[in-house]
Amino acid sequence: MFRSNAGTVQTKFGTVIKLAPKGWPDITGFRHSDGKMILIEVKNETGKLREDQIKFQKFIEDKPVLYGVCRSVEDAIELIESN
């Protein structure tokens, strides 16, 4: 698992670096037992998905990927272990 950064950033030298596409989830990884990709959007108790995140959610929902919006470590563990 690793922290995924999306969008673009500009370095102190003015170089623009493109990261993951806007809307890409906060955490990316895979489950060792079966190689299934894991994508987790992290939100607090009241956090809401932005439009680009909703668009990504709709895109990924029919793919063979473990995707979820998690509001706690327990949510993330459940996502990974129950699917």
N, C-alpha and C. Protein backbone atom coordinates (compact mmCIF):
# COMPACT_ATOMS: atom_id res chain seq x y z
N MET A 1 0.85 -1.16 0.00
CA MET A 1 0.00 0.00 0.00
C MET A 1 0.90 1.24 0.00
N PHE A 2 0.49 2.27 -0.70
CA PHE A 2 1.20 3.53 -0.66
C PHE A 2 0.24 4.68 -0.86
N ARG A 3 0.67 5.84 -0.40
CA ARG A 3 -0.11 7.07 -0.53
C ARG A 3 -0.02 7.55 -1.96
N SER A 4 -1.15 7.75 -2.60
CA SER A 4 -1.21 8.21 -3.98
C SER A 4 -1.51 9.70 -4.00
N ASN A 5 -0.73 10.44 -4.74
CA ASN A 5 -0.99 11.87 -4.91
C ASN A 5 -1.49 12.11 -6.32
N ALA A 6 -2.50 12.95 -6.45
CA ALA A 6 -3.11 13.20 -7.75
C ALA A 6 -2.99 14.67 -8.11
N GLY A 7 -3.16 14.94 -9.40
CA GLY A 7 -3.10 16.33 -9.88
C GLY A 7 -1.72 16.68 -10.39
N THR A 8 -1.33 17.93 -10.21
CA THR A 8 -0.01 18.39 -10.63
C THR A 8 0.64 19.20 -9.51
N VAL A 9 1.96 19.22 -9.51
CA VAL A 9 2.71 20.06 -8.57
C VAL A 9 3.80 20.78 -9.35
N GLN A 10 4.18 21.93 -8.83
CA GLN A 10 5.26 22.69 -9.44
C GLN A 10 6.43 22.70 -8.47
N THR A 11 7.61 22.31 -8.96
CA THR A 11 8.79 22.29 -8.11
C THR A 11 9.30 23.72 -7.90
N LYS A 12 10.24 23.88 -6.99
CA LYS A 12 10.80 25.21 -6.74
C LYS A 12 11.57 25.73 -7.94
N PHE A 13 11.89 24.84 -8.91
CA PHE A 13 12.60 25.24 -10.12
C PHE A 13 11.64 25.56 -11.26
N GLY A 14 10.32 25.43 -10.99
CA GLY A 14 9.31 25.76 -11.98
C GLY A 14 8.86 24.59 -12.84
N THR A 15 9.45 23.43 -12.63
CA THR A 15 9.05 22.25 -13.38
C THR A 15 7.69 21.76 -12.88
N VAL A 16 6.80 21.45 -13.81
CA VAL A 16 5.49 20.92 -13.45
C VAL A 16 5.53 19.40 -13.57
N ILE A 17 5.11 18.73 -12.52
CA ILE A 17 5.10 17.27 -12.51
C ILE A 17 3.65 16.81 -12.45
N LYS A 18 3.28 15.94 -13.39
CA LYS A 18 1.94 15.36 -13.40
C LYS A 18 1.95 14.10 -12.55
N LEU A 19 1.02 14.01 -11.63
CA LEU A 19 0.89 12.87 -10.75
C LEU A 19 -0.24 11.98 -11.24
N ALA A 20 -0.87 11.22 -10.38
CA ALA A 20 -2.02 10.41 -10.77
C ALA A 20 -3.15 11.33 -11.26
N PRO A 21 -4.07 10.79 -12.04
CA PRO A 21 -5.19 11.61 -12.52
C PRO A 21 -6.04 12.14 -11.37
N LYS A 22 -6.63 13.31 -11.57
CA LYS A 22 -7.52 13.87 -10.55
C LYS A 22 -8.63 12.88 -10.25
N GLY A 23 -8.94 12.73 -8.97
CA GLY A 23 -9.97 11.79 -8.55
C GLY A 23 -9.42 10.45 -8.12
N TRP A 24 -8.13 10.19 -8.42
CA TRP A 24 -7.53 8.91 -8.04
C TRP A 24 -7.54 8.80 -6.51
N PRO A 25 -7.85 7.62 -5.96
CA PRO A 25 -7.94 7.45 -4.51
C PRO A 25 -6.62 7.72 -3.77
N ASP A 26 -6.73 7.93 -2.46
CA ASP A 26 -5.59 8.30 -1.62
C ASP A 26 -4.60 7.17 -1.39
N ILE A 27 -5.08 5.94 -1.38
CA ILE A 27 -4.21 4.80 -1.09
C ILE A 27 -4.35 3.78 -2.21
N THR A 28 -3.21 3.29 -2.70
CA THR A 28 -3.16 2.31 -3.77
C THR A 28 -2.31 1.13 -3.31
N GLY A 29 -2.74 -0.05 -3.66
CA GLY A 29 -1.95 -1.23 -3.32
C GLY A 29 -2.58 -2.48 -3.90
N PHE A 30 -2.12 -3.64 -3.39
CA PHE A 30 -2.70 -4.90 -3.83
C PHE A 30 -2.67 -5.90 -2.68
N ARG A 31 -3.57 -6.86 -2.77
CA ARG A 31 -3.66 -7.90 -1.76
C ARG A 31 -2.76 -9.06 -2.20
N HIS A 32 -1.82 -9.40 -1.36
CA HIS A 32 -0.84 -10.44 -1.71
C HIS A 32 -1.49 -11.79 -1.98
N SER A 33 -2.55 -12.14 -1.26
CA SER A 33 -3.14 -13.47 -1.38
C SER A 33 -3.67 -13.78 -2.78
N ASP A 34 -4.19 -12.77 -3.47
CA ASP A 34 -4.75 -13.01 -4.80
C ASP A 34 -4.36 -11.96 -5.84
N GLY A 35 -3.55 -10.99 -5.44
CA GLY A 35 -3.09 -9.96 -6.37
C GLY A 35 -4.12 -8.91 -6.72
N LYS A 36 -5.26 -8.93 -6.05
CA LYS A 36 -6.33 -7.97 -6.35
C LYS A 36 -5.90 -6.55 -5.98
N MET A 37 -6.13 -5.62 -6.88
CA MET A 37 -5.80 -4.22 -6.66
C MET A 37 -6.72 -3.63 -5.60
N ILE A 38 -6.16 -2.76 -4.74
CA ILE A 38 -6.91 -2.09 -3.68
C ILE A 38 -6.78 -0.59 -3.88
N LEU A 39 -7.91 0.11 -3.88
CA LEU A 39 -7.94 1.56 -3.99
C LEU A 39 -8.84 2.09 -2.89
N ILE A 40 -8.29 2.95 -2.04
CA ILE A 40 -9.05 3.47 -0.91
C ILE A 40 -9.08 4.99 -0.94
N GLU A 41 -10.27 5.54 -0.92
CA GLU A 41 -10.46 6.98 -0.77
C GLU A 41 -10.66 7.23 0.72
N VAL A 42 -9.83 8.06 1.32
CA VAL A 42 -9.88 8.33 2.75
C VAL A 42 -10.66 9.62 3.00
N LYS A 43 -11.66 9.51 3.88
CA LYS A 43 -12.45 10.67 4.28
C LYS A 43 -12.66 10.62 5.79
N ASN A 44 -12.84 11.79 6.39
CA ASN A 44 -13.20 11.80 7.81
C ASN A 44 -14.69 11.51 7.95
N GLU A 45 -15.22 11.61 9.15
CA GLU A 45 -16.61 11.24 9.41
C GLU A 45 -17.61 12.00 8.55
N THR A 46 -17.30 13.24 8.22
CA THR A 46 -18.25 14.08 7.47
C THR A 46 -17.77 14.42 6.05
N GLY A 47 -16.59 13.94 5.68
CA GLY A 47 -16.03 14.27 4.38
C GLY A 47 -16.87 13.76 3.22
N LYS A 48 -16.93 14.53 2.16
CA LYS A 48 -17.72 14.18 0.98
C LYS A 48 -16.81 14.08 -0.23
N LEU A 49 -17.19 13.21 -1.15
CA LEU A 49 -16.42 13.06 -2.38
C LEU A 49 -16.57 14.30 -3.26
N ARG A 50 -15.45 14.72 -3.86
CA ARG A 50 -15.51 15.80 -4.86
C ARG A 50 -16.05 15.22 -6.16
N GLU A 51 -16.42 16.07 -7.08
CA GLU A 51 -16.98 15.63 -8.36
C GLU A 51 -16.02 14.69 -9.10
N ASP A 52 -14.71 15.00 -9.13
CA ASP A 52 -13.77 14.13 -9.82
C ASP A 52 -13.65 12.78 -9.12
N GLN A 53 -13.83 12.74 -7.81
CA GLN A 53 -13.80 11.48 -7.07
C GLN A 53 -15.07 10.66 -7.32
N ILE A 54 -16.20 11.32 -7.45
CA ILE A 54 -17.45 10.64 -7.79
C ILE A 54 -17.34 10.03 -9.19
N LYS A 55 -16.75 10.78 -10.11
CA LYS A 55 -16.56 10.29 -11.48
C LYS A 55 -15.68 9.04 -11.47
N PHE A 56 -14.61 9.06 -10.68
CA PHE A 56 -13.73 7.89 -10.58
C PHE A 56 -14.49 6.71 -9.97
N GLN A 57 -15.24 6.97 -8.91
CA GLN A 57 -16.02 5.92 -8.23
C GLN A 57 -16.96 5.23 -9.22
N LYS A 58 -17.64 6.01 -10.05
CA LYS A 58 -18.56 5.44 -11.05
C LYS A 58 -17.80 4.63 -12.09
N PHE A 59 -16.62 5.11 -12.47
CA PHE A 59 -15.79 4.40 -13.45
C PHE A 59 -15.32 3.04 -12.92
N ILE A 60 -14.92 2.97 -11.67
CA ILE A 60 -14.26 1.78 -11.12
C ILE A 60 -15.23 0.75 -10.57
N GLU A 61 -16.50 1.12 -10.35
CA GLU A 61 -17.42 0.24 -9.62
C GLU A 61 -17.67 -1.11 -10.29
N ASP A 62 -17.54 -1.22 -11.60
CA ASP A 62 -17.77 -2.51 -12.25
C ASP A 62 -16.47 -3.22 -12.63
N LYS A 63 -15.36 -2.75 -12.11
CA LYS A 63 -14.05 -3.37 -12.38
C LYS A 63 -13.70 -4.35 -11.25
N PRO A 64 -12.85 -5.34 -11.52
CA PRO A 64 -12.46 -6.31 -10.49
C PRO A 64 -11.40 -5.75 -9.54
N VAL A 65 -11.78 -4.70 -8.82
CA VAL A 65 -10.88 -3.97 -7.93
C VAL A 65 -11.57 -3.79 -6.59
N LEU A 66 -10.82 -3.85 -5.51
CA LEU A 66 -11.37 -3.52 -4.19
C LEU A 66 -11.29 -2.01 -4.04
N TYR A 67 -12.43 -1.34 -4.09
CA TYR A 67 -12.49 0.12 -3.97
C TYR A 67 -13.49 0.46 -2.88
N GLY A 68 -13.14 1.46 -2.09
CA GLY A 68 -14.08 1.92 -1.10
C GLY A 68 -13.68 3.26 -0.51
N VAL A 69 -14.67 3.94 0.03
CA VAL A 69 -14.45 5.17 0.79
C VAL A 69 -14.37 4.74 2.25
N CYS A 70 -13.24 4.96 2.88
CA CYS A 70 -13.02 4.51 4.25
C CYS A 70 -12.84 5.71 5.17
N ARG A 71 -13.49 5.64 6.31
CA ARG A 71 -13.45 6.72 7.28
C ARG A 71 -12.68 6.34 8.53
N SER A 72 -12.13 5.13 8.54
CA SER A 72 -11.33 4.66 9.68
C SER A 72 -10.45 3.50 9.23
N VAL A 73 -9.49 3.17 10.06
CA VAL A 73 -8.65 2.00 9.80
C VAL A 73 -9.53 0.75 9.74
N GLU A 74 -10.50 0.68 10.63
CA GLU A 74 -11.40 -0.47 10.66
C GLU A 74 -12.17 -0.61 9.34
N ASP A 75 -12.59 0.50 8.75
CA ASP A 75 -13.27 0.46 7.45
C ASP A 75 -12.35 -0.14 6.39
N ALA A 76 -11.09 0.28 6.39
CA ALA A 76 -10.13 -0.21 5.40
C ALA A 76 -9.88 -1.70 5.58
N ILE A 77 -9.71 -2.15 6.81
CA ILE A 77 -9.49 -3.57 7.08
C ILE A 77 -10.69 -4.38 6.61
N GLU A 78 -11.88 -3.90 6.90
CA GLU A 78 -13.10 -4.60 6.47
C GLU A 78 -13.17 -4.69 4.96
N LEU A 79 -12.86 -3.60 4.26
CA LEU A 79 -12.86 -3.59 2.80
C LEU A 79 -11.93 -4.68 2.26
N ILE A 80 -10.75 -4.75 2.81
CA ILE A 80 -9.74 -5.69 2.32
C ILE A 80 -10.06 -7.13 2.70
N GLU A 81 -10.54 -7.35 3.90
CA GLU A 81 -10.75 -8.71 4.37
C GLU A 81 -12.09 -9.32 3.96
N SER A 82 -13.09 -8.50 3.67
CA SER A 82 -14.42 -9.05 3.41
C SER A 82 -14.72 -9.24 1.93
N ASN A 83 -13.86 -8.82 1.07
CA ASN A 83 -14.12 -8.94 -0.38
C ASN A 83 -13.15 -9.91 -1.02
